[in-house]
Amino acid sequence: GLYGTAKHWFHSSQLSANDYIEGALPFLMKQILK
């Protein structure tokens, strides 16, 4: 699911938590609101 994808992305990425949130939030919002 979407949570699993985000979790996998978080664990497999080298981004800091803040960069991850800034990058992921617009994408997640699009997925939720579409």
PDB file of N, CA and C in Angstrom:
ATOM      1  N   GLY A   1       0.813  -1.202   0.000  1.00  0.00           N
ATOM      2  CA  GLY A   1       0.000   0.000   0.000  1.00  0.00           C
ATOM      3  C   GLY A   1       0.857   1.266   0.000  1.00  0.00           C
ATOM      4  N   LEU A   2       0.189   2.386   0.060  1.00  0.00           N
ATOM      5  CA  LEU A   2       0.885   3.664   0.007  1.00  0.00           C
ATOM      6  C   LEU A   2       1.817   3.834   1.202  1.00  0.00           C
ATOM      7  N   TYR A   3       1.355   3.433   2.388  1.00  0.00           N
ATOM      8  CA  TYR A   3       2.191   3.543   3.583  1.00  0.00           C
ATOM      9  C   TYR A   3       3.443   2.690   3.444  1.00  0.00           C
ATOM     10  N   GLY A   4       3.265   1.464   2.938  1.00  0.00           N
ATOM     11  CA  GLY A   4       4.404   0.573   2.756  1.00  0.00           C
ATOM     12  C   GLY A   4       5.411   1.139   1.771  1.00  0.00           C
ATOM     13  N   THR A   5       4.901   1.754   0.701  1.00  0.00           N
ATOM     14  CA  THR A   5       5.782   2.364  -0.293  1.00  0.00           C
ATOM     15  C   THR A   5       6.571   3.508   0.323  1.00  0.00           C
ATOM     16  N   ALA A   6       5.876   4.358   1.074  1.00  0.00           N
ATOM     17  CA  ALA A   6       6.540   5.487   1.717  1.00  0.00           C
ATOM     18  C   ALA A   6       7.570   4.997   2.732  1.00  0.00           C
ATOM     19  N   LYS A   7       7.205   3.968   3.485  1.00  0.00           N
ATOM     20  CA  LYS A   7       8.107   3.415   4.493  1.00  0.00           C
ATOM     21  C   LYS A   7       9.346   2.837   3.824  1.00  0.00           C
ATOM     22  N   HIS A   8       9.142   2.097   2.719  1.00  0.00           N
ATOM     23  CA  HIS A   8      10.262   1.520   1.987  1.00  0.00           C
ATOM     24  C   HIS A   8      11.164   2.622   1.449  1.00  0.00           C
ATOM     25  N   TRP A   9      10.547   3.671   0.869  1.00  0.00           N
ATOM     26  CA  TRP A   9      11.299   4.789   0.317  1.00  0.00           C
ATOM     27  C   TRP A   9      12.130   5.446   1.420  1.00  0.00           C
ATOM     28  N   PHE A  10      11.522   5.650   2.578  1.00  0.00           N
ATOM     29  CA  PHE A  10      12.223   6.276   3.690  1.00  0.00           C
ATOM     30  C   PHE A  10      13.442   5.450   4.088  1.00  0.00           C
ATOM     31  N   HIS A  11      13.257   4.131   4.209  1.00  0.00           N
ATOM     32  CA  HIS A  11      14.340   3.272   4.671  1.00  0.00           C
ATOM     33  C   HIS A  11      15.417   3.081   3.619  1.00  0.00           C
ATOM     34  N   SER A  12      15.059   3.228   2.334  1.00  0.00           N
ATOM     35  CA  SER A  12      16.029   2.978   1.279  1.00  0.00           C
ATOM     36  C   SER A  12      16.679   4.262   0.782  1.00  0.00           C
ATOM     37  N   SER A  13      16.235   5.404   1.281  1.00  0.00           N
ATOM     38  CA  SER A  13      16.765   6.678   0.820  1.00  0.00           C
ATOM     39  C   SER A  13      17.817   7.188   1.792  1.00  0.00           C
ATOM     40  N   GLN A  14      18.640   8.103   1.296  1.00  0.00           N
ATOM     41  CA  GLN A  14      19.671   8.708   2.132  1.00  0.00           C
ATOM     42  C   GLN A  14      19.276  10.120   2.560  1.00  0.00           C
ATOM     43  N   LEU A  15      18.034  10.476   2.307  1.00  0.00           N
ATOM     44  CA  LEU A  15      17.577  11.804   2.678  1.00  0.00           C
ATOM     45  C   LEU A  15      17.436  11.927   4.189  1.00  0.00           C
ATOM     46  N   SER A  16      17.626  13.141   4.670  1.00  0.00           N
ATOM     47  CA  SER A  16      17.293  13.404   6.064  1.00  0.00           C
ATOM     48  C   SER A  16      15.784  13.367   6.226  1.00  0.00           C
ATOM     49  N   ALA A  17      15.331  13.225   7.445  1.00  0.00           N
ATOM     50  CA  ALA A  17      13.892  13.138   7.685  1.00  0.00           C
ATOM     51  C   ALA A  17      13.182  14.390   7.163  1.00  0.00           C
ATOM     52  N   ASN A  18      13.785  15.552   7.378  1.00  0.00           N
ATOM     53  CA  ASN A  18      13.147  16.796   6.945  1.00  0.00           C
ATOM     54  C   ASN A  18      13.036  16.850   5.429  1.00  0.00           C
ATOM     55  N   ASP A  19      14.123  16.482   4.728  1.00  0.00           N
ATOM     56  CA  ASP A  19      14.080  16.472   3.266  1.00  0.00           C
ATOM     57  C   ASP A  19      13.061  15.459   2.774  1.00  0.00           C
ATOM     58  N   TYR A  20      12.991  14.317   3.431  1.00  0.00           N
ATOM     59  CA  TYR A  20      12.022  13.283   3.054  1.00  0.00           C
ATOM     60  C   TYR A  20      10.597  13.809   3.185  1.00  0.00           C
ATOM     61  N   ILE A  21      10.304  14.455   4.298  1.00  0.00           N
ATOM     62  CA  ILE A  21       8.951  14.972   4.522  1.00  0.00           C
ATOM     63  C   ILE A  21       8.615  16.039   3.483  1.00  0.00           C
ATOM     64  N   GLU A  22       9.552  16.950   3.233  1.00  0.00           N
ATOM     65  CA  GLU A  22       9.306  18.016   2.262  1.00  0.00           C
ATOM     66  C   GLU A  22       9.076  17.442   0.869  1.00  0.00           C
ATOM     67  N   GLY A  23       9.806  16.379   0.534  1.00  0.00           N
ATOM     68  CA  GLY A  23       9.654  15.768  -0.778  1.00  0.00           C
ATOM     69  C   GLY A  23       8.418  14.898  -0.881  1.00  0.00           C
ATOM     70  N   ALA A  24       8.084  14.198   0.207  1.00  0.00           N
ATOM     71  CA  ALA A  24       7.014  13.203   0.158  1.00  0.00           C
ATOM     72  C   ALA A  24       5.636  13.822   0.345  1.00  0.00           C
ATOM     73  N   LEU A  25       5.541  14.882   1.126  1.00  0.00           N
ATOM     74  CA  LEU A  25       4.228  15.408   1.480  1.00  0.00           C
ATOM     75  C   LEU A  25       3.385  15.792   0.264  1.00  0.00           C
ATOM     76  N   PRO A  26       3.920  16.562  -0.695  1.00  0.00           N
ATOM     77  CA  PRO A  26       3.104  16.891  -1.875  1.00  0.00           C
ATOM     78  C   PRO A  26       2.661  15.645  -2.633  1.00  0.00           C
ATOM     79  N   PHE A  27       3.557  14.662  -2.763  1.00  0.00           N
ATOM     80  CA  PHE A  27       3.222  13.419  -3.455  1.00  0.00           C
ATOM     81  C   PHE A  27       2.124  12.666  -2.718  1.00  0.00           C
ATOM     82  N   LEU A  28       2.257  12.547  -1.410  1.00  0.00           N
ATOM     83  CA  LEU A  28       1.259  11.829  -0.621  1.00  0.00           C
ATOM     84  C   LEU A  28      -0.088  12.541  -0.675  1.00  0.00           C
ATOM     85  N   MET A  29      -0.068  13.860  -0.622  1.00  0.00           N
ATOM     86  CA  MET A  29      -1.320  14.613  -0.680  1.00  0.00           C
ATOM     87  C   MET A  29      -2.011  14.401  -2.019  1.00  0.00           C
ATOM     88  N   LYS A  30      -1.239  14.364  -3.101  1.00  0.00           N
ATOM     89  CA  LYS A  30      -1.830  14.108  -4.416  1.00  0.00           C
ATOM     90  C   LYS A  30      -2.494  12.742  -4.439  1.00  0.00           C
ATOM     91  N   GLN A  31      -1.825  11.750  -3.853  1.00  0.00           N
ATOM     92  CA  GLN A  31      -2.373  10.396  -3.849  1.00  0.00           C
ATOM     93  C   GLN A  31      -3.662  10.333  -3.037  1.00  0.00           C
ATOM     94  N   ILE A  32      -3.690  11.046  -1.919  1.00  0.00           N
ATOM     95  CA  ILE A  32      -4.854  11.013  -1.032  1.00  0.00           C
ATOM     96  C   ILE A  32      -6.024  11.784  -1.640  1.00  0.00           C
ATOM     97  N   LEU A  33      -5.726  12.918  -2.268  1.00  0.00           N
ATOM     98  CA  LEU A  33      -6.788  13.825  -2.706  1.00  0.00           C
ATOM     99  C   LEU A  33      -7.262  13.583  -4.130  1.00  0.00           C
ATOM    100  N   LYS A  34      -6.559  12.771  -4.877  1.00  0.00           N
ATOM    101  CA  LYS A  34      -6.939  12.590  -6.289  1.00  0.00           C
ATOM    102  C   LYS A  34      -8.261  11.852  -6.437  1.00  0.00           C
TER     103      LYS A  34
END
